């Protein structure tokens, strides 16, 4: 059985930490791993965009996680 050893970092904190903090801020003490895993590609795709590209979509970097999880969480 192989394991993935890839860590994705954005700035000072890893993407996984950023997602954990997002869910913790909503009052969820545990990060729902299934939700995170299912949407990681969309999160990475948005994180890779420039600030100008995000702005054209009506988003800021702080809006990425609420945007990705908007259909399941009222944030």
Foldseek 3Di string as FASTA:
>chain_A
DDDDPDWAPDPPGTPVVVQCVVCVVVVDNDRPVVLCVVQVVVLVVVSPDDQVVQVVVVHGNVCSVCVSCVVPDPD
